[in-house]
Protein backbone atom coordinates (compact mmCIF):
# COMPACT_ATOMS: atom_id res chain seq x y z
CA MET A 1 50.70 -82.97 23.61
CA THR A 2 48.60 -81.78 26.57
CA LEU A 3 50.02 -78.80 28.36
CA THR A 4 50.06 -78.83 32.18
CA PRO A 5 47.96 -75.97 33.51
CA LEU A 6 49.84 -73.22 35.35
CA ALA A 7 49.15 -72.84 39.02
CA ASN A 8 49.47 -69.06 38.81
CA HIS A 9 47.49 -68.27 35.67
CA ALA A 10 43.97 -68.78 34.36
CA GLU A 11 42.46 -67.26 31.24
CA LEU A 12 39.93 -64.59 32.31
CA THR A 13 36.31 -65.09 31.25
CA PRO A 14 32.96 -63.94 32.71
CA LEU A 15 31.75 -67.52 32.26
CA ARG A 16 33.59 -68.16 35.51
CA PHE A 17 31.08 -65.98 37.34
CA LEU A 18 28.22 -68.39 36.66
CA GLN A 19 30.37 -71.36 37.58
CA ARG A 20 31.19 -69.78 40.97
CA SER A 21 27.63 -68.68 41.79
CA VAL A 22 26.31 -72.15 40.96
CA GLU A 23 28.88 -73.57 43.41
CA VAL A 24 28.33 -70.94 46.13
CA TYR A 25 24.59 -70.15 45.83
CA PRO A 26 22.94 -73.20 44.23
CA SER A 27 19.54 -72.74 45.85
CA LYS A 28 19.51 -68.93 45.76
CA GLU A 29 17.06 -67.15 43.47
CA ALA A 30 19.02 -66.13 40.37
CA ILE A 31 16.32 -65.02 37.87
CA VAL A 32 12.71 -63.85 38.21
CA HIS A 33 10.50 -63.29 35.18
CA GLY A 34 6.74 -63.16 35.65
CA GLN A 35 5.67 -66.63 36.83
CA ARG A 36 9.11 -68.10 36.08
CA SER A 37 11.90 -68.32 38.61
CA TYR A 38 15.34 -69.99 38.41
CA SER A 39 17.78 -70.86 41.20
CA TYR A 40 21.47 -70.57 40.42
CA ALA A 41 21.63 -74.36 40.05
CA GLN A 42 18.79 -74.23 37.52
CA PHE A 43 20.41 -71.21 35.76
CA GLY A 44 23.67 -73.18 35.34
CA ALA A 45 21.87 -76.33 34.22
CA GLU A 46 19.89 -74.42 31.58
CA VAL A 47 23.01 -72.78 30.24
CA GLN A 48 24.85 -76.12 30.03
CA GLN A 49 21.90 -77.69 28.16
CA PHE A 50 21.70 -74.71 25.79
CA ALA A 51 25.46 -74.72 25.16
CA ALA A 52 25.48 -78.49 24.51
CA ALA A 53 22.77 -78.07 21.88
CA LEU A 54 24.63 -75.15 20.26
CA ALA A 55 27.87 -77.11 20.22
CA THR A 56 26.31 -79.63 17.83
CA ARG A 57 25.44 -76.87 15.34
CA ILE A 58 28.27 -74.34 15.38
CA ALA A 59 32.04 -74.31 15.00
CA PRO A 60 34.35 -72.28 17.26
CA GLY A 61 34.04 -68.58 16.39
CA ASP A 62 30.65 -68.86 14.66
CA ARG A 63 28.29 -66.00 15.36
CA VAL A 64 24.91 -66.72 16.98
CA ALA A 65 22.28 -63.96 16.95
CA VAL A 66 19.52 -63.44 19.51
CA LEU A 67 16.56 -61.08 18.97
CA ALA A 68 14.64 -60.86 22.22
CA PRO A 69 13.63 -58.50 25.02
CA ASN A 70 15.21 -58.75 28.46
CA ILE A 71 13.93 -62.24 29.15
CA PRO A 72 15.76 -65.25 30.71
CA GLU A 73 16.67 -66.75 27.34
CA MET A 74 18.62 -63.60 26.43
CA LEU A 75 20.48 -63.91 29.72
CA PHE A 76 21.13 -67.64 29.10
CA ALA A 77 22.57 -66.79 25.67
CA HIS A 78 25.22 -64.50 27.26
CA TYR A 79 26.72 -67.66 28.78
CA ALA A 80 25.65 -70.51 26.54
CA VAL A 81 26.86 -69.09 23.22
CA PRO A 82 30.46 -68.42 24.35
CA LEU A 83 30.43 -71.64 26.44
CA ALA A 84 29.76 -73.49 23.16
CA GLY A 85 32.63 -71.59 21.51
CA GLY A 86 30.48 -69.11 19.62
CA VAL A 87 30.28 -65.31 19.56
CA LEU A 88 27.01 -63.78 20.70
CA VAL A 89 25.33 -61.10 18.55
CA ALA A 90 22.59 -59.51 20.73
CA LEU A 91 20.32 -57.77 18.25
CA ASN A 92 18.56 -54.48 18.89
CA THR A 93 14.84 -55.26 19.15
CA ARG A 94 13.91 -51.77 17.92
CA LEU A 95 15.54 -52.08 14.52
CA SER A 96 13.63 -52.64 11.26
CA ALA A 97 13.98 -55.86 9.26
CA ARG A 98 16.21 -54.04 6.80
CA GLU A 99 18.55 -52.82 9.55
CA LEU A 100 18.64 -56.23 11.17
CA GLY A 101 19.36 -57.72 7.80
CA TYR A 102 22.52 -55.63 7.43
CA ILE A 103 23.78 -56.85 10.83
CA ILE A 104 23.01 -60.49 10.11
CA GLU A 105 24.74 -60.26 6.76
CA HIS A 106 27.72 -58.36 8.12
CA SER A 107 28.20 -60.64 11.15
CA GLU A 108 27.52 -63.78 9.04
CA ALA A 109 25.45 -65.13 11.91
CA LYS A 110 24.78 -68.85 11.54
CA MET A 111 21.73 -69.12 13.80
CA LEU A 112 19.02 -66.72 14.94
CA PHE A 113 16.98 -67.11 18.09
CA ALA A 114 13.95 -64.79 18.06
CA ASP A 115 11.20 -64.00 20.53
CA SER A 116 7.67 -64.74 19.28
CA GLU A 117 6.81 -61.06 19.30
CA LEU A 118 9.59 -60.32 16.85
CA LEU A 119 9.11 -63.16 14.39
CA ASP A 120 7.84 -60.92 11.59
CA ALA A 121 11.27 -59.29 11.25
CA ALA A 122 13.10 -62.58 11.80
CA ALA A 123 11.23 -64.48 9.11
CA ALA A 124 12.47 -62.26 6.30
CA LEU A 125 16.05 -62.70 7.53
CA ARG A 126 15.75 -66.47 7.46
CA ALA A 127 14.53 -66.37 3.86
CA GLU A 128 17.05 -63.85 2.53
CA MET A 129 20.32 -64.49 4.36
CA PRO A 130 22.31 -67.42 2.97
CA THR A 131 24.52 -67.67 6.02
CA LEU A 132 21.54 -68.09 8.37
CA GLU A 133 20.97 -71.80 8.80
CA ALA A 134 18.28 -71.87 11.44
CA LEU A 135 15.52 -69.70 12.95
CA ILE A 136 14.65 -70.76 16.47
CA GLU A 137 11.56 -69.31 18.17
CA ILE A 138 11.73 -68.28 21.85
CA ARG A 139 8.25 -68.63 23.36
CA ASP A 140 7.97 -66.50 26.49
CA PRO A 141 4.78 -67.15 28.55
CA GLU A 142 4.76 -63.45 29.45
CA PHE A 143 4.04 -62.55 25.81
CA THR A 144 0.27 -62.68 25.38
CA GLY A 145 -0.02 -61.02 21.98
CA ALA A 146 -0.83 -62.64 18.63
CA ARG A 147 1.93 -64.81 17.15
CA ALA A 148 2.86 -64.04 13.56
CA ASP A 149 2.15 -66.83 11.04
CA VAL A 150 5.81 -67.63 10.53
CA GLU A 151 7.47 -70.96 9.96
CA VAL A 152 10.40 -71.67 12.19
CA ASP A 153 12.96 -74.52 12.29
CA SER A 154 12.15 -75.29 15.93
CA THR A 155 11.33 -73.65 19.27
CA TYR A 156 13.98 -72.97 21.89
CA ALA A 157 12.53 -75.62 24.17
CA GLU A 158 12.69 -78.21 21.38
CA PHE A 159 16.19 -77.15 20.42
CA ILE A 160 17.72 -77.65 23.83
CA ALA A 161 15.67 -80.78 24.59
CA GLY A 162 17.14 -82.61 21.62
CA VAL A 163 20.61 -83.01 23.06
CA PRO A 164 21.64 -84.97 26.19
CA ALA A 165 22.85 -82.79 29.04
CA THR A 166 26.61 -82.61 29.34
CA ASP A 167 29.00 -80.76 31.63
CA ILE A 168 30.92 -78.37 29.38
CA GLY A 169 33.91 -76.84 31.19
CA TYR A 170 33.82 -73.12 31.82
CA ALA A 171 37.55 -72.62 31.06
CA ILE A 172 38.58 -71.04 27.76
CA ALA A 173 41.77 -71.27 25.68
CA ASP A 174 42.26 -67.55 24.89
CA GLU A 175 41.03 -64.70 27.06
CA ARG A 176 41.70 -62.21 24.25
CA GLY A 177 39.39 -64.06 21.90
CA PRO A 178 35.94 -62.61 21.09
CA ILE A 179 32.93 -63.29 23.32
CA THR A 180 30.39 -60.96 21.76
CA LEU A 181 29.85 -58.78 18.68
CA ASN A 182 27.89 -55.58 19.29
CA TYR A 183 26.77 -52.99 16.76
CA THR A 184 26.87 -49.22 17.12
CA SER A 185 23.74 -47.09 16.59
CA GLY A 186 24.93 -46.08 13.13
CA THR A 187 23.71 -42.43 13.31
CA THR A 188 26.47 -41.27 10.91
CA GLY A 189 26.49 -44.32 8.57
CA LYS A 190 26.30 -48.07 8.64
CA PRO A 191 26.54 -49.59 12.12
CA LYS A 192 30.05 -50.85 13.02
CA GLY A 193 30.58 -54.24 14.55
CA VAL A 194 32.41 -53.94 17.91
CA LEU A 195 34.22 -57.03 19.21
CA TYR A 196 34.43 -57.62 22.96
CA SER A 197 36.96 -60.08 24.43
CA HIS A 198 36.54 -62.49 27.34
CA ARG A 199 39.24 -60.57 29.24
CA GLY A 200 37.68 -57.18 28.65
CA SER A 201 34.18 -58.45 29.58
CA TYR A 202 35.50 -60.09 32.77
CA LEU A 203 37.32 -56.98 33.97
CA ASN A 204 34.58 -54.59 32.95
CA SER A 205 32.01 -56.72 34.80
CA LEU A 206 34.01 -56.47 37.98
CA GLY A 207 34.25 -52.70 37.53
CA GLU A 208 30.47 -52.46 37.08
CA ALA A 209 29.89 -54.60 40.15
CA PHE A 210 32.24 -52.45 42.23
CA HIS A 211 30.94 -49.03 41.17
CA GLN A 212 27.24 -49.99 41.29
CA GLY A 213 27.60 -51.67 44.64
CA PHE A 214 26.39 -55.17 43.65
CA ASP A 215 26.44 -57.96 46.20
CA ALA A 216 24.51 -61.15 46.96
CA HIS A 217 21.54 -59.06 48.11
CA THR A 218 21.28 -57.11 44.83
CA ARG A 219 17.99 -57.36 42.99
CA TYR A 220 18.74 -55.84 39.63
CA LEU A 221 15.81 -54.73 37.43
CA TRP A 222 16.49 -55.12 33.70
CA THR A 223 15.49 -51.70 32.36
CA LEU A 224 18.71 -51.40 30.31
CA PRO A 225 18.52 -53.44 27.10
CA MET A 226 20.77 -56.47 27.12
CA PHE A 227 21.43 -55.80 23.47
CA HIS A 228 23.06 -52.45 24.34
CA CYS A 229 26.75 -53.06 25.02
CA ASN A 230 25.65 -56.44 26.46
CA GLY A 231 23.70 -54.51 29.08
CA TRP A 232 26.92 -52.74 30.13
CA CYS A 233 28.24 -56.18 31.12
CA THR A 234 25.67 -56.51 33.95
CA PRO A 235 24.44 -59.94 32.73
CA TRP A 236 27.83 -61.08 33.99
CA ALA A 237 28.33 -58.54 36.80
CA VAL A 238 25.13 -59.33 38.70
CA THR A 239 25.81 -63.03 38.37
CA ALA A 240 29.38 -62.52 39.66
CA THR A 241 28.05 -61.30 43.01
CA GLY A 242 25.25 -63.83 43.32
CA GLY A 243 22.59 -61.16 42.85
CA THR A 244 19.10 -61.69 41.38
CA HIS A 245 18.18 -60.72 37.83
CA LEU A 246 14.66 -59.28 37.58
CA CYS A 247 13.73 -59.59 33.90
CA LEU A 248 11.38 -57.21 32.12
CA ARG A 249 9.92 -57.43 28.66
CA GLY A 250 9.30 -53.71 28.32
CA VAL A 251 10.09 -50.50 30.18
CA ARG A 252 6.88 -48.77 31.05
CA ALA A 253 6.00 -46.75 34.13
CA ASP A 254 3.51 -49.30 35.49
CA THR A 255 5.71 -52.37 34.95
CA VAL A 256 8.75 -50.63 36.51
CA TRP A 257 6.73 -49.46 39.53
CA ASP A 258 5.15 -52.94 39.84
CA ALA A 259 8.65 -54.37 40.11
CA ILE A 260 9.80 -51.68 42.58
CA GLU A 261 6.79 -52.30 44.82
CA ASN A 262 6.65 -56.11 44.60
CA LEU A 263 10.08 -57.41 43.77
CA GLY A 264 12.39 -55.44 46.11
CA VAL A 265 14.43 -53.72 43.35
CA THR A 266 17.78 -52.38 44.62
CA HIS A 267 19.54 -51.42 41.35
CA LEU A 268 18.76 -50.56 37.76
CA CYS A 269 20.46 -48.83 34.80
CA GLY A 270 19.37 -46.84 31.81
CA ALA A 271 19.35 -43.63 29.79
CA PRO A 272 17.95 -40.45 31.37
CA THR A 273 14.61 -41.36 29.82
CA VAL A 274 14.39 -44.30 32.29
CA CYS A 275 14.94 -41.84 35.14
CA SER A 276 12.12 -39.70 33.72
CA ILE A 277 9.77 -42.65 33.49
CA ILE A 278 10.32 -43.44 37.14
CA ALA A 279 10.34 -39.89 38.53
CA ASP A 280 7.45 -38.53 36.48
CA ALA A 281 5.12 -41.51 36.94
CA THR A 282 1.79 -40.87 38.68
CA ARG A 283 2.65 -43.79 41.00
CA ALA A 284 6.00 -42.32 42.00
CA HIS A 285 6.69 -42.60 45.75
CA ALA A 286 9.51 -43.34 48.11
CA PRO A 287 10.34 -47.05 47.73
CA ALA A 288 10.59 -49.41 50.68
CA GLU A 289 14.15 -50.39 49.65
CA SER A 290 16.85 -47.90 48.77
CA ILE A 291 17.49 -47.88 44.98
CA LYS A 292 20.51 -46.87 42.96
CA ILE A 293 20.05 -45.82 39.32
CA THR A 294 23.15 -45.70 37.09
CA THR A 295 22.53 -43.51 34.07
CA ALA A 296 24.49 -42.54 30.97
CA GLY A 297 23.95 -41.07 27.49
CA ALA A 298 23.49 -37.50 28.77
CA PRO A 299 23.36 -35.91 32.22
CA PRO A 300 19.84 -36.19 33.63
CA SER A 301 18.15 -32.84 34.09
CA PRO A 302 18.34 -31.20 37.54
CA ALA A 303 14.55 -31.44 37.71
CA ILE A 304 14.64 -35.22 37.36
CA ILE A 305 17.58 -35.59 39.79
CA ALA A 306 15.64 -33.49 42.37
CA LYS A 307 12.55 -35.61 41.95
CA LEU A 308 14.50 -38.89 42.34
CA GLN A 309 16.39 -37.55 45.35
CA LYS A 310 13.07 -36.63 47.04
CA LEU A 311 12.02 -40.24 46.50
CA GLY A 312 15.24 -41.39 48.16
CA ILE A 313 16.68 -42.81 44.89
CA GLU A 314 20.41 -42.31 44.32
CA VAL A 315 21.57 -41.36 40.85
CA VAL A 316 25.04 -42.36 39.58
CA HIS A 317 26.26 -40.65 36.42
CA VAL A 318 28.63 -42.55 34.09
CA TYR A 319 30.01 -42.05 30.58
CA GLY A 320 31.11 -44.40 27.83
CA LEU A 321 30.49 -45.89 24.40
CA THR A 322 29.84 -49.19 22.76
CA GLU A 323 33.56 -49.44 21.92
CA VAL A 324 34.46 -49.38 25.67
CA TYR A 325 31.93 -52.00 26.87
CA GLY A 326 29.54 -49.25 28.03
CA PRO A 327 30.55 -47.05 31.00
CA SER A 328 34.23 -46.12 31.26
CA THR A 329 34.21 -43.05 33.52
CA ILE A 330 32.15 -42.21 36.56
CA CYS A 331 31.46 -38.98 38.45
CA GLU A 332 32.80 -40.11 41.82
CA TYR A 333 31.06 -38.08 44.50
CA GLN A 334 33.27 -36.13 46.88
CA ASP A 335 32.12 -35.48 50.45
CA SER A 336 33.32 -31.89 50.17
CA TRP A 337 30.53 -31.26 47.62
CA ASP A 338 28.01 -31.48 50.46
CA GLN A 339 29.01 -27.95 51.44
CA LEU A 340 28.11 -26.49 48.03
CA GLU A 341 24.88 -24.80 47.12
CA PRO A 342 22.49 -27.14 45.30
CA GLU A 343 23.15 -25.63 41.84
CA ALA A 344 26.90 -25.79 42.24
CA ARG A 345 26.67 -29.37 43.53
CA ALA A 346 24.49 -30.31 40.53
CA ARG A 347 27.15 -28.89 38.17
CA LYS A 348 29.74 -31.11 39.85
CA VAL A 349 27.61 -34.20 39.64
CA SER A 350 26.77 -33.59 35.96
CA ARG A 351 30.37 -34.04 34.90
CA GLN A 352 31.56 -37.25 33.32
CA GLY A 353 34.22 -37.65 36.00
CA VAL A 354 37.20 -39.98 36.23
CA GLY A 355 38.18 -43.39 34.92
CA MET A 356 36.40 -46.29 36.51
CA ILE A 357 38.44 -48.87 38.39
CA GLN A 358 38.74 -51.19 35.38
CA ALA A 359 39.84 -48.34 33.04
CA GLU A 360 42.85 -46.08 32.66
CA SER A 361 42.52 -42.34 33.36
CA ALA A 362 40.76 -40.47 30.59
CA ARG A 363 42.58 -37.72 28.71
CA ILE A 364 41.50 -34.60 26.82
CA VAL A 365 43.87 -33.99 23.89
CA ASP A 366 44.45 -31.60 21.01
CA MET A 367 44.99 -32.57 17.40
CA ASP A 368 48.57 -33.53 18.13
CA MET A 369 47.66 -35.76 21.08
CA ASN A 370 48.94 -33.26 23.63
CA ASP A 371 46.93 -32.83 26.84
CA VAL A 372 44.94 -29.61 26.88
CA PRO A 373 45.28 -27.35 29.94
CA ALA A 374 43.20 -28.56 32.93
CA ASP A 375 41.32 -25.25 33.15
CA GLY A 376 37.74 -26.42 32.58
CA GLU A 377 37.60 -24.26 29.45
CA THR A 378 39.96 -25.57 26.76
CA MET A 379 38.25 -28.13 24.64
CA GLY A 380 39.82 -31.22 23.12
CA GLU A 381 38.90 -34.81 22.24
CA ILE A 382 38.24 -37.37 24.97
CA VAL A 383 40.50 -40.37 24.48
CA LEU A 384 40.39 -43.60 26.47
CA ARG A 385 42.60 -46.61 27.03
CA GLY A 386 42.50 -49.82 29.03
CA ASN A 387 41.40 -53.44 29.18
CA ASN A 388 37.84 -52.27 28.56
CA VAL A 389 38.50 -51.00 25.02
CA MET A 390 37.19 -53.22 22.22
CA ILE A 391 39.36 -55.68 20.28
CA GLY A 392 38.46 -53.65 17.22
CA TYR A 393 35.82 -53.14 14.57
CA TYR A 394 34.78 -56.42 12.94
CA LYS A 395 35.96 -56.68 9.32
CA ASP A 396 37.11 -53.02 9.31
CA ASP A 397 40.88 -52.72 9.89
CA GLU A 398 40.98 -49.17 8.53
CA ALA A 399 38.33 -47.86 10.95
CA THR A 400 40.05 -49.70 13.84
CA ALA A 401 43.43 -48.13 12.99
CA THR A 402 41.83 -44.66 12.87
CA ALA A 403 40.07 -45.16 16.18
CA PHE A 404 43.27 -46.41 17.85
CA ALA A 405 45.63 -43.75 16.42
CA GLY A 406 48.35 -42.78 18.90
CA GLY A 407 47.69 -45.75 21.16
CA TRP A 408 44.38 -44.41 22.49
CA PHE A 409 40.75 -44.90 21.54
CA HIS A 410 39.39 -41.73 19.97
CA THR A 411 35.78 -41.20 21.12
CA GLY A 412 34.88 -38.36 18.77
CA ASP A 413 33.54 -36.56 21.80
CA LEU A 414 34.77 -33.09 22.79
CA GLY A 415 35.32 -32.17 26.44
CA VAL A 416 37.32 -30.23 28.97
CA MET A 417 39.57 -31.26 31.82
CA HIS A 418 38.87 -29.58 35.14
CA PRO A 419 41.61 -28.70 37.66
CA ASP A 420 40.48 -31.57 39.93
CA GLY A 421 41.04 -34.15 37.14
CA TYR A 422 37.37 -34.63 36.29
CA ILE A 423 36.45 -34.57 32.62
CA GLN A 424 33.31 -32.92 31.29
CA LEU A 425 31.67 -33.68 27.95
CA ARG A 426 31.06 -30.62 25.84
CA ASP A 427 29.84 -32.06 22.58
CA ARG A 428 30.25 -34.52 19.76
CA ALA A 429 32.70 -33.00 17.29
CA LYS A 430 29.96 -32.90 14.66
CA ASP A 431 27.49 -31.18 17.01
CA ILE A 432 29.56 -28.11 17.84
CA ILE A 433 27.84 -24.91 16.66
CA ILE A 434 30.06 -22.26 15.07
CA SER A 435 28.25 -18.91 15.30
CA GLY A 436 30.02 -15.74 14.14
CA GLY A 437 33.35 -17.57 14.53
CA GLU A 438 32.60 -18.58 18.14
CA ASN A 439 32.25 -22.23 19.19
CA ILE A 440 29.06 -23.02 21.06
CA SER A 441 28.82 -26.30 22.95
CA THR A 442 25.29 -27.69 22.54
CA ILE A 443 25.70 -29.60 25.82
CA GLU A 444 26.55 -26.38 27.66
CA VAL A 445 23.36 -24.77 26.32
CA GLU A 446 21.33 -27.92 27.06
CA GLN A 447 22.51 -27.99 30.65
CA ALA A 448 21.63 -24.33 31.12
CA LEU A 449 18.13 -24.97 29.82
CA ALA A 450 17.76 -28.22 31.76
CA SER A 451 18.55 -26.44 35.01
CA HIS A 452 15.03 -24.93 34.87
CA PRO A 453 12.88 -27.01 37.25
CA GLU A 454 10.11 -27.42 34.66
CA VAL A 455 12.38 -28.92 31.95
CA LEU A 456 12.51 -32.71 31.69
CA ASP A 457 14.61 -33.12 28.55
CA VAL A 458 16.20 -30.89 25.97
CA ALA A 459 18.18 -31.07 22.71
CA VAL A 460 20.02 -28.18 21.05
CA ILE A 461 21.18 -28.10 17.42
CA GLY A 462 22.74 -25.55 15.11
CA VAL A 463 20.74 -24.33 12.11
CA PRO A 464 22.07 -22.23 9.19
CA HIS A 465 21.95 -18.43 9.64
CA GLU A 466 22.69 -15.86 6.92
CA LYS A 467 24.64 -13.53 9.19
CA TRP A 468 26.21 -15.77 11.83
CA GLY A 469 26.69 -18.94 9.86
CA GLU A 470 24.85 -21.03 12.48
CA THR A 471 22.60 -20.25 15.42
CA PRO A 472 21.34 -22.50 18.26
CA VAL A 473 17.78 -23.85 18.32
CA ALA A 474 16.35 -25.80 21.22
CA TYR A 475 13.75 -28.57 21.46
CA VAL A 476 12.39 -28.86 25.02
CA ILE A 477 10.21 -31.44 26.80
CA ARG A 478 8.30 -29.80 29.63
CA ALA A 479 7.39 -31.44 32.92
CA SER A 480 3.78 -32.58 33.11
CA GLY A 481 1.41 -29.68 33.79
CA SER A 482 4.03 -27.05 32.92
CA SER A 483 3.09 -24.03 30.86
CA LEU A 484 6.68 -22.79 30.51
CA ASP A 485 7.10 -20.69 27.35
CA SER A 486 10.12 -19.82 25.21
CA GLU A 487 10.42 -16.25 26.52
CA ALA A 488 10.65 -17.37 30.15
CA LEU A 489 13.05 -20.19 29.37
CA ALA A 490 15.28 -17.92 27.29
CA ALA A 491 15.38 -15.40 30.15
CA HIS A 492 16.44 -18.28 32.45
CA ALA A 493 19.20 -19.25 30.06
CA ARG A 494 20.54 -15.68 29.80
CA GLN A 495 21.34 -15.80 33.54
CA GLN A 496 23.88 -18.55 32.80
CA LEU A 497 25.01 -18.06 29.18
CA ALA A 498 26.50 -15.39 26.99
CA GLY A 499 23.83 -13.84 24.77
CA PHE A 500 25.09 -15.40 21.56
CA LYS A 501 24.70 -18.91 23.09
CA VAL A 502 21.00 -18.48 24.05
CA PRO A 503 18.79 -20.27 21.50
CA LYS A 504 17.04 -17.93 19.09
CA ALA A 505 14.11 -20.34 18.83
CA ILE A 506 12.76 -22.77 21.44
CA HIS A 507 10.25 -25.46 20.40
CA PHE A 508 8.18 -27.64 22.72
CA PRO A 509 7.49 -30.98 20.98
CA GLU A 510 5.73 -33.95 22.60
CA ASP A 511 8.88 -36.07 22.30
CA LEU A 512 12.39 -36.13 20.83
CA PRO A 513 13.54 -38.49 18.05
CA ARG A 514 15.85 -41.10 19.48
CA THR A 515 18.09 -43.91 18.31
CA SER A 516 17.26 -47.46 19.24
CA THR A 517 19.55 -47.11 22.25
CA GLY A 518 17.82 -43.96 23.56
CA LYS A 519 20.16 -41.27 22.30
CA VAL A 520 18.60 -38.14 20.85
CA GLN A 521 18.96 -38.07 17.04
CA LYS A 522 20.23 -34.56 16.47
CA ASN A 523 20.77 -35.46 12.81
CA VAL A 524 16.98 -35.93 12.48
CA LEU A 525 16.32 -32.61 14.20
CA ARG A 526 18.77 -30.89 11.85
CA GLU A 527 17.14 -32.45 8.82
CA ASN A 528 13.67 -31.39 9.96
CA ALA A 529 14.87 -27.88 10.74
């Protein structure tokens, strides 16, 4: 029996965003990538063709993996895979074949689409994974390197050309069903599979569009990997507003500045390292168009913020995790902060802030789930709740139950609640340093060191100490041309921190070890120390 649709209800899905933009902006430029360009009508037609081909090979709920940089085909997959009834697994391009193998095996992906540059890693997966039925090569004309001598089942162009074009409806049966499966960085063990729903992706996309100020004039530069929390839902958010996606194979100073100078970039996202690449480039200058950078992972250093502000680039600071679709809180700027001294204003801006419009208000709780005092001093765990929290961990009910204990998602991050209701991250629970019985927040120490104008980036860890148990050690990346030494930096830190919090050793490496998503690997620093 066919049910009559309800006039006052439709299942929420971000697929609707493409449907609308095709209807409203058919001739508008939707995607730019090198010499390629797609209108919204062409974007929609490509997705329909891709989905029709997929529908002949997968059953509803099957996982389809894509291993590719931020190129149009990765963007197409964010629509075509769920449109065909599948679940997209966007693979981290920086992982080794062994790490990718674990994800393919755990997700039981049925098909793998891989960019030519990444075929070496993909070939082993095709040979070793029994669930993987096909390896499809994506040939991007912008890739000019040597192609690995790898046999594939077909190319992407051949795959979609083999099926007649059909008009697959954008409506879905269950908005709470999975749309994508993302994997965490796995810094403390095997990566966990995080399931996103159509409903959560739809609502989170609207939140991203609202807070980042997207509209039909947006020209969004893809510096944030689409494999990372599905690019914080911006493959859907930019499309929802009829903006233009500016694809990018790799994030390097020259390619980013080429795009800024020639493509009219208005928005981009990324870790603080992206801010550094832009601000510290030899070509850095005030862009013709105003640009907004949304950053997360750690507060960017005051030196970088100052450089970007001098260029007329606005920095928006957000906080979140893979389990909450990317950003969940935002440091909403208050006009009253204009009256503060620059350092005091920077401290306000560096906080993780308040719940975004699509999320519930964040809480800081003690071990019994009681709210800690809003005094900016008492630490507790940051817990989150709302439509932008994952369905759960794939094939791991125990970990899901632990994460959702008490009806809230437990982030594992420690923070404080300020009197004005803004939260501030203090540390990961595992990164707190206990020295002589006193708790030292590595983030507090990092922010004190980063306030020095010649510091670009910093990581602080605790190392064993015979007398105190642990003591802080800092690893600092200096600005180009800086001769800052440990004595001067320690003296700077003493002006802001109690003596026992000042690092006893400060190292100046060329770079910091990072996860594939750009987070500093403090576990690696601890092992090396």
